[in-house]
Amino acid sequence: MPSHFETRSSAFDNATVAFQSDQHTHLYGYLQSFLYFVTYEHELRCQFKFSYDVIKHAEELISGHLKSLRITNAQAVTLVAVHVRRGDKLSADVKSGGGTVAPKEYILKAKQYFIKKYDRVVFVVCSDSMDWCTGNVPGESTVFVRGQSAVEDLAVMSLCQHAIMTVGTFGWWMAWLVNGDTVYYSRRFLPGSRLSQQWNLSHHYPSHWIPME
């Protein structure tokens, strides 16, 4: 069986999709570019659905958090998902390759963008480092979703209208599922680093997403 290894982890590689459709091919890589499936986006959105039980649980979680803010009608607010990934991105290996994490200043700036643009915004925070979030992200009009599985976190965030992502593919797919205004951290890696050589930012982030430092 023929195999193909993509040349860069976060850039579109035309050779990766140039295989013969009448034979099986092993594809190796991350395929972290929206260009791989932009032609089939509508079909993917129809297929990428959460099960009834998962989405019902997510709706109940959001409803409960909004009630804690004395909001009984979710339609009366603009929900912005905030995914903060730190965890493994703080490892020595990631750092040595030039990887970064988003600082609190970026998250605060991104929040202000949505506060200025929309009325009555509520931020829904999911993270692998929730203690850091509660200590660094102001709690006003902000709810912190704790103790859920990765699938449940993703389902909760998918019910929001807009998104703030930091780093990592989990946050990328969250923003893609939300399909609203997306702000992303533009200093994903250090210039000239090993990681920077694997990226083409225009291939990884759709052009309508908003870069922010």
C-alpha atoms as a PDB file:
ATOM      1  CA  MET A   1       0.000   0.000   0.000  1.00  0.00           C
ATOM      2  CA  PRO A   2       1.506   3.396  -0.942  1.00  0.00           C
ATOM      3  CA  SER A   3       2.164   5.929   1.832  1.00  0.00           C
ATOM      4  CA  HIS A   4       2.521   9.692   1.952  1.00  0.00           C
ATOM      5  CA  PHE A   5       4.074  11.789   4.712  1.00  0.00           C
ATOM      6  CA  GLU A   6       3.117  15.458   4.761  1.00  0.00           C
ATOM      7  CA  THR A   7       6.102  17.785   4.656  1.00  0.00           C
ATOM      8  CA  ARG A   8       4.900  20.323   7.252  1.00  0.00           C
ATOM      9  CA  SER A   9       2.510  19.819  10.157  1.00  0.00           C
ATOM     10  CA  SER A  10       0.550  23.070   9.899  1.00  0.00           C
ATOM     11  CA  ALA A  11       0.584  23.911   6.220  1.00  0.00           C
ATOM     12  CA  PHE A  12      -1.343  22.650   3.220  1.00  0.00           C
ATOM     13  CA  ASP A  13       0.572  20.116   1.153  1.00  0.00           C
ATOM     14  CA  ASN A  14      -0.983  19.558  -2.259  1.00  0.00           C
ATOM     15  CA  ALA A  15       0.860  16.251  -2.643  1.00  0.00           C
ATOM     16  CA  THR A  16      -1.044  14.954   0.369  1.00  0.00           C
ATOM     17  CA  VAL A  17      -4.314  15.028  -1.565  1.00  0.00           C
ATOM     18  CA  ALA A  18      -2.878  14.002  -4.911  1.00  0.00           C
ATOM     19  CA  PHE A  19      -3.170  10.265  -4.277  1.00  0.00           C
ATOM     20  CA  GLN A  20      -5.112   7.925  -6.559  1.00  0.00           C
ATOM     21  CA  SER A  21      -8.780   7.622  -5.595  1.00  0.00           C
ATOM     22  CA  ASP A  22      -8.974   4.027  -6.818  1.00  0.00           C
ATOM     23  CA  GLN A  23      -6.430   2.673  -4.351  1.00  0.00           C
ATOM     24  CA  HIS A  24      -5.849   2.736  -0.606  1.00  0.00           C
ATOM     25  CA  THR A  25      -3.161   5.120   0.613  1.00  0.00           C
ATOM     26  CA  HIS A  26      -1.701   5.627   4.075  1.00  0.00           C
ATOM     27  CA  LEU A  27      -1.547   9.318   4.969  1.00  0.00           C
ATOM     28  CA  TYR A  28       0.787  10.319   7.783  1.00  0.00           C
ATOM     29  CA  GLY A  29       0.722  13.722   9.431  1.00  0.00           C
ATOM     30  CA  TYR A  30      -1.438  16.215  11.303  1.00  0.00           C
ATOM     31  CA  LEU A  31      -3.409  17.677   8.377  1.00  0.00           C
ATOM     32  CA  GLN A  32      -3.770  20.921  10.348  1.00  0.00           C
ATOM     33  CA  SER A  33      -4.992  23.138   7.538  1.00  0.00           C
ATOM     34  CA  PHE A  34      -8.553  24.114   6.741  1.00  0.00           C
ATOM     35  CA  LEU A  35      -7.574  23.976   3.057  1.00  0.00           C
ATOM     36  CA  TYR A  36      -7.671  20.177   3.170  1.00  0.00           C
ATOM     37  CA  PHE A  37     -11.429  20.167   3.591  1.00  0.00           C
ATOM     38  CA  VAL A  38     -12.689  23.645   2.689  1.00  0.00           C
ATOM     39  CA  THR A  39     -14.415  22.237  -0.404  1.00  0.00           C
ATOM     40  CA  TYR A  40     -16.353  19.805   1.779  1.00  0.00           C
ATOM     41  CA  GLU A  41     -17.054  22.107   4.716  1.00  0.00           C
ATOM     42  CA  HIS A  42     -20.842  21.929   4.421  1.00  0.00           C
ATOM     43  CA  GLU A  43     -20.820  18.135   4.361  1.00  0.00           C
ATOM     44  CA  LEU A  44     -18.475  18.000   7.349  1.00  0.00           C
ATOM     45  CA  ARG A  45     -20.636  20.334   9.391  1.00  0.00           C
ATOM     46  CA  CYS A  46     -23.600  18.068   8.701  1.00  0.00           C
ATOM     47  CA  GLN A  47     -21.632  15.053   9.887  1.00  0.00           C
ATOM     48  CA  PHE A  48     -19.823  16.557  12.880  1.00  0.00           C
ATOM     49  CA  LYS A  49     -22.765  16.434  15.273  1.00  0.00           C
ATOM     50  CA  PHE A  50     -22.796  15.546  18.951  1.00  0.00           C
ATOM     51  CA  SER A  51     -25.079  12.808  20.217  1.00  0.00           C
ATOM     52  CA  TYR A  52     -28.412  13.837  21.714  1.00  0.00           C
ATOM     53  CA  ASP A  53     -27.318  13.036  25.283  1.00  0.00           C
ATOM     54  CA  VAL A  54     -24.097  15.037  24.975  1.00  0.00           C
ATOM     55  CA  ILE A  55     -25.702  18.136  23.495  1.00  0.00           C
ATOM     56  CA  LYS A  56     -28.597  18.004  25.980  1.00  0.00           C
ATOM     57  CA  HIS A  57     -26.104  17.873  28.851  1.00  0.00           C
ATOM     58  CA  ALA A  58     -24.201  20.798  27.320  1.00  0.00           C
ATOM     59  CA  GLU A  59     -27.386  22.854  27.051  1.00  0.00           C
ATOM     60  CA  GLU A  60     -28.216  22.129  30.690  1.00  0.00           C
ATOM     61  CA  LEU A  61     -24.729  23.167  31.766  1.00  0.00           C
ATOM     62  CA  ILE A  62     -24.963  26.485  29.965  1.00  0.00           C
ATOM     63  CA  SER A  63     -28.452  27.092  31.321  1.00  0.00           C
ATOM     64  CA  GLY A  64     -27.265  26.421  34.871  1.00  0.00           C
ATOM     65  CA  HIS A  65     -24.299  28.752  34.552  1.00  0.00           C
ATOM     66  CA  LEU A  66     -26.442  31.517  33.091  1.00  0.00           C
ATOM     67  CA  LYS A  67     -28.889  31.174  35.980  1.00  0.00           C
ATOM     68  CA  SER A  68     -25.965  31.757  38.349  1.00  0.00           C
ATOM     69  CA  LEU A  69     -25.660  35.141  36.613  1.00  0.00           C
ATOM     70  CA  ARG A  70     -29.428  35.647  36.948  1.00  0.00           C
ATOM     71  CA  ILE A  71     -29.929  35.181  33.228  1.00  0.00           C
ATOM     72  CA  THR A  72     -32.938  33.043  32.382  1.00  0.00           C
ATOM     73  CA  ASN A  73     -33.032  33.583  28.633  1.00  0.00           C
ATOM     74  CA  ALA A  74     -29.938  32.481  26.711  1.00  0.00           C
ATOM     75  CA  GLN A  75     -31.232  34.263  23.625  1.00  0.00           C
ATOM     76  CA  ALA A  76     -30.842  37.582  25.441  1.00  0.00           C
ATOM     77  CA  VAL A  77     -27.040  37.310  25.613  1.00  0.00           C
ATOM     78  CA  THR A  78     -24.118  36.748  23.256  1.00  0.00           C
ATOM     79  CA  LEU A  79     -22.146  33.673  24.261  1.00  0.00           C
ATOM     80  CA  VAL A  80     -18.420  33.660  23.527  1.00  0.00           C
ATOM     81  CA  ALA A  81     -16.491  30.436  24.047  1.00  0.00           C
ATOM     82  CA  VAL A  82     -12.994  30.805  25.515  1.00  0.00           C
ATOM     83  CA  HIS A  83     -10.660  27.825  25.301  1.00  0.00           C
ATOM     84  CA  VAL A  84      -7.412  28.113  27.243  1.00  0.00           C
ATOM     85  CA  ARG A  85      -4.824  25.409  26.689  1.00  0.00           C
ATOM     86  CA  ARG A  86      -1.681  25.407  28.758  1.00  0.00           C
ATOM     87  CA  GLY A  87      -0.921  21.960  30.257  1.00  0.00           C
ATOM     88  CA  ASP A  88       1.301  20.093  27.784  1.00  0.00           C
ATOM     89  CA  LYS A  89       2.165  23.339  25.988  1.00  0.00           C
ATOM     90  CA  LEU A  90       4.262  24.311  29.012  1.00  0.00           C
ATOM     91  CA  SER A  91       6.512  21.260  28.642  1.00  0.00           C
ATOM     92  CA  ALA A  92      10.250  21.644  28.107  1.00  0.00           C
ATOM     93  CA  ASP A  93       9.994  19.902  24.744  1.00  0.00           C
ATOM     94  CA  VAL A  94       7.394  22.336  23.407  1.00  0.00           C
ATOM     95  CA  LYS A  95       9.291  25.327  24.744  1.00  0.00           C
ATOM     96  CA  SER A  96      12.578  24.148  23.230  1.00  0.00           C
ATOM     97  CA  GLY A  97      10.849  23.948  19.843  1.00  0.00           C
ATOM     98  CA  GLY A  98       9.623  27.531  20.125  1.00  0.00           C
ATOM     99  CA  GLY A  99       6.055  26.850  21.231  1.00  0.00           C
ATOM    100  CA  THR A 100       4.227  29.419  23.343  1.00  0.00           C
ATOM    101  CA  VAL A 101       1.095  29.778  25.436  1.00  0.00           C
ATOM    102  CA  ALA A 102      -1.239  32.749  25.416  1.00  0.00           C
ATOM    103  CA  PRO A 103      -0.766  35.171  28.336  1.00  0.00           C
ATOM    104  CA  LYS A 104      -3.630  36.629  30.313  1.00  0.00           C
ATOM    105  CA  GLU A 105      -3.136  39.988  28.563  1.00  0.00           C
ATOM    106  CA  TYR A 106      -4.156  38.397  25.265  1.00  0.00           C
ATOM    107  CA  ILE A 107      -7.304  36.873  26.753  1.00  0.00           C
ATOM    108  CA  LEU A 108      -8.313  40.165  28.359  1.00  0.00           C
ATOM    109  CA  LYS A 109      -7.755  42.008  25.074  1.00  0.00           C
ATOM    110  CA  ALA A 110      -9.796  39.431  23.172  1.00  0.00           C
ATOM    111  CA  LYS A 111     -12.619  39.712  25.703  1.00  0.00           C
ATOM    112  CA  GLN A 112     -12.679  43.474  25.288  1.00  0.00           C
ATOM    113  CA  TYR A 113     -13.031  43.053  21.534  1.00  0.00           C
ATOM    114  CA  PHE A 114     -16.297  41.166  21.987  1.00  0.00           C
ATOM    115  CA  ILE A 115     -17.552  43.408  24.790  1.00  0.00           C
ATOM    116  CA  LYS A 116     -17.202  46.432  22.502  1.00  0.00           C
ATOM    117  CA  LYS A 117     -18.765  44.681  19.506  1.00  0.00           C
ATOM    118  CA  TYR A 118     -21.768  42.947  21.081  1.00  0.00           C
ATOM    119  CA  ASP A 119     -24.332  43.699  23.763  1.00  0.00           C
ATOM    120  CA  ARG A 120     -24.492  41.686  26.973  1.00  0.00           C
ATOM    121  CA  VAL A 121     -21.672  39.240  26.361  1.00  0.00           C
ATOM    122  CA  VAL A 122     -21.140  36.170  28.535  1.00  0.00           C
ATOM    123  CA  PHE A 123     -17.844  34.306  28.274  1.00  0.00           C
ATOM    124  CA  VAL A 124     -17.878  30.520  28.651  1.00  0.00           C
ATOM    125  CA  VAL A 125     -14.434  29.273  29.678  1.00  0.00           C
ATOM    126  CA  CYS A 126     -13.176  25.716  29.227  1.00  0.00           C
ATOM    127  CA  SER A 127      -9.578  24.754  29.903  1.00  0.00           C
ATOM    128  CA  ASP A 128      -7.075  22.094  30.904  1.00  0.00           C
ATOM    129  CA  SER A 129      -5.761  24.626  33.448  1.00  0.00           C
ATOM    130  CA  MET A 130      -8.863  25.960  35.142  1.00  0.00           C
ATOM    131  CA  ASP A 131      -7.071  27.099  38.302  1.00  0.00           C
ATOM    132  CA  TRP A 132      -4.922  29.382  36.146  1.00  0.00           C
ATOM    133  CA  CYS A 133      -8.048  30.688  34.402  1.00  0.00           C
ATOM    134  CA  THR A 134      -9.925  31.518  37.582  1.00  0.00           C
ATOM    135  CA  GLY A 135      -6.858  33.338  38.868  1.00  0.00           C
ATOM    136  CA  ASN A 136      -6.144  35.301  35.699  1.00  0.00           C
ATOM    137  CA  VAL A 137      -9.405  35.764  33.801  1.00  0.00           C
ATOM    138  CA  PRO A 138     -11.858  38.168  35.475  1.00  0.00           C
ATOM    139  CA  GLY A 139     -15.075  36.500  36.561  1.00  0.00           C
ATOM    140  CA  GLU A 140     -17.526  39.283  35.692  1.00  0.00           C
ATOM    141  CA  SER A 141     -19.909  38.000  33.001  1.00  0.00           C
ATOM    142  CA  THR A 142     -17.710  34.910  32.822  1.00  0.00           C
ATOM    143  CA  VAL A 143     -18.538  31.315  33.711  1.00  0.00           C
ATOM    144  CA  PHE A 144     -16.027  28.506  34.200  1.00  0.00           C
ATOM    145  CA  VAL A 145     -17.073  25.050  33.047  1.00  0.00           C
ATOM    146  CA  ARG A 146     -15.393  22.506  35.320  1.00  0.00           C
ATOM    147  CA  GLY A 147     -15.257  18.750  35.655  1.00  0.00           C
ATOM    148  CA  GLN A 148     -16.466  17.776  32.201  1.00  0.00           C
ATOM    149  CA  SER A 149     -14.935  15.443  29.651  1.00  0.00           C
ATOM    150  CA  ALA A 150     -13.197  16.797  26.565  1.00  0.00           C
ATOM    151  CA  VAL A 151     -16.223  15.904  24.450  1.00  0.00           C
ATOM    152  CA  GLU A 152     -18.572  17.695  26.840  1.00  0.00           C
ATOM    153  CA  ASP A 153     -16.341  20.778  26.901  1.00  0.00           C
ATOM    154  CA  LEU A 154     -16.333  20.835  23.105  1.00  0.00           C
ATOM    155  CA  ALA A 155     -20.114  20.467  22.983  1.00  0.00           C
ATOM    156  CA  VAL A 156     -20.620  23.306  25.471  1.00  0.00           C
ATOM    157  CA  MET A 157     -18.392  25.647  23.502  1.00  0.00           C
ATOM    158  CA  SER A 158     -20.027  24.670  20.198  1.00  0.00           C
ATOM    159  CA  LEU A 159     -23.276  26.156  21.500  1.00  0.00           C
ATOM    160  CA  CYS A 160     -21.708  29.617  21.714  1.00  0.00           C
ATOM    161  CA  GLN A 161     -21.954  32.217  18.958  1.00  0.00           C
ATOM    162  CA  HIS A 162     -18.309  33.324  18.885  1.00  0.00           C
ATOM    163  CA  ALA A 163     -14.904  32.099  20.034  1.00  0.00           C
ATOM    164  CA  ILE A 164     -11.589  33.015  21.596  1.00  0.00           C
ATOM    165  CA  MET A 165      -8.899  30.388  21.145  1.00  0.00           C
ATOM    166  CA  THR A 166      -5.381  30.306  22.534  1.00  0.00           C
ATOM    167  CA  VAL A 167      -3.168  27.510  21.176  1.00  0.00           C
ATOM    168  CA  GLY A 168      -3.683  23.893  20.146  1.00  0.00           C
ATOM    169  CA  THR A 169      -5.870  21.938  17.767  1.00  0.00           C
ATOM    170  CA  PHE A 170      -8.631  21.370  20.344  1.00  0.00           C
ATOM    171  CA  GLY A 171      -9.270  25.109  20.469  1.00  0.00           C
ATOM    172  CA  TRP A 172      -8.987  25.307  16.677  1.00  0.00           C
ATOM    173  CA  TRP A 173     -11.745  22.737  16.183  1.00  0.00           C
ATOM    174  CA  MET A 174     -13.833  24.442  18.846  1.00  0.00           C
ATOM    175  CA  ALA A 175     -13.645  27.704  16.893  1.00  0.00           C
ATOM    176  CA  TRP A 176     -14.414  25.921  13.619  1.00  0.00           C
ATOM    177  CA  LEU A 177     -17.516  24.318  15.138  1.00  0.00           C
ATOM    178  CA  VAL A 178     -18.701  27.626  16.626  1.00  0.00           C
ATOM    179  CA  ASN A 179     -18.411  29.207  13.173  1.00  0.00           C
ATOM    180  CA  GLY A 180     -18.785  32.818  14.318  1.00  0.00           C
ATOM    181  CA  ASP A 181     -16.259  35.574  14.983  1.00  0.00           C
ATOM    182  CA  THR A 182     -13.007  33.943  16.082  1.00  0.00           C
ATOM    183  CA  VAL A 183     -10.049  35.641  17.740  1.00  0.00           C
ATOM    184  CA  TYR A 184      -6.813  33.651  17.875  1.00  0.00           C
ATOM    185  CA  TYR A 185      -3.438  34.171  19.537  1.00  0.00           C
ATOM    186  CA  SER A 186      -1.064  35.320  16.802  1.00  0.00           C
ATOM    187  CA  ARG A 187       2.209  34.599  18.636  1.00  0.00           C
ATOM    188  CA  ARG A 188       1.780  30.853  18.406  1.00  0.00           C
ATOM    189  CA  PHE A 189       5.531  30.235  18.136  1.00  0.00           C
ATOM    190  CA  LEU A 190       8.786  32.129  18.417  1.00  0.00           C
ATOM    191  CA  PRO A 191      10.125  33.570  15.128  1.00  0.00           C
ATOM    192  CA  GLY A 192      12.882  31.449  13.646  1.00  0.00           C
ATOM    193  CA  SER A 193      12.141  28.505  15.933  1.00  0.00           C
ATOM    194  CA  ARG A 194      11.892  24.856  14.913  1.00  0.00           C
ATOM    195  CA  LEU A 195       8.113  25.022  15.250  1.00  0.00           C
ATOM    196  CA  SER A 196       7.862  28.094  13.021  1.00  0.00           C
ATOM    197  CA  GLN A 197       9.307  26.079  10.146  1.00  0.00           C
ATOM    198  CA  GLN A 198       6.318  23.741  10.285  1.00  0.00           C
ATOM    199  CA  TRP A 199       3.718  26.475   9.932  1.00  0.00           C
ATOM    200  CA  ASN A 200       2.033  28.538   7.282  1.00  0.00           C
ATOM    201  CA  LEU A 201      -0.369  30.767   9.208  1.00  0.00           C
ATOM    202  CA  SER A 202      -2.526  31.527   6.161  1.00  0.00           C
ATOM    203  CA  HIS A 203      -3.022  27.788   5.661  1.00  0.00           C
ATOM    204  CA  HIS A 204      -3.827  27.076   9.290  1.00  0.00           C
ATOM    205  CA  TYR A 205      -6.180  29.948  10.175  1.00  0.00           C
ATOM    206  CA  PRO A 206      -9.075  30.943   7.877  1.00  0.00           C
ATOM    207  CA  SER A 207      -8.605  34.506   6.602  1.00  0.00           C
ATOM    208  CA  HIS A 208     -11.721  35.822   8.370  1.00  0.00           C
ATOM    209  CA  TRP A 209     -10.412  34.780  11.790  1.00  0.00           C
ATOM    210  CA  ILE A 210      -8.902  37.658  13.748  1.00  0.00           C
ATOM    211  CA  PRO A 211      -5.259  37.576  14.892  1.00  0.00           C
ATOM    212  CA  MET A 212      -4.471  39.250  18.180  1.00  0.00           C
ATOM    213  CA  GLU A 213      -1.418  39.455  20.447  1.00  0.00           C
END
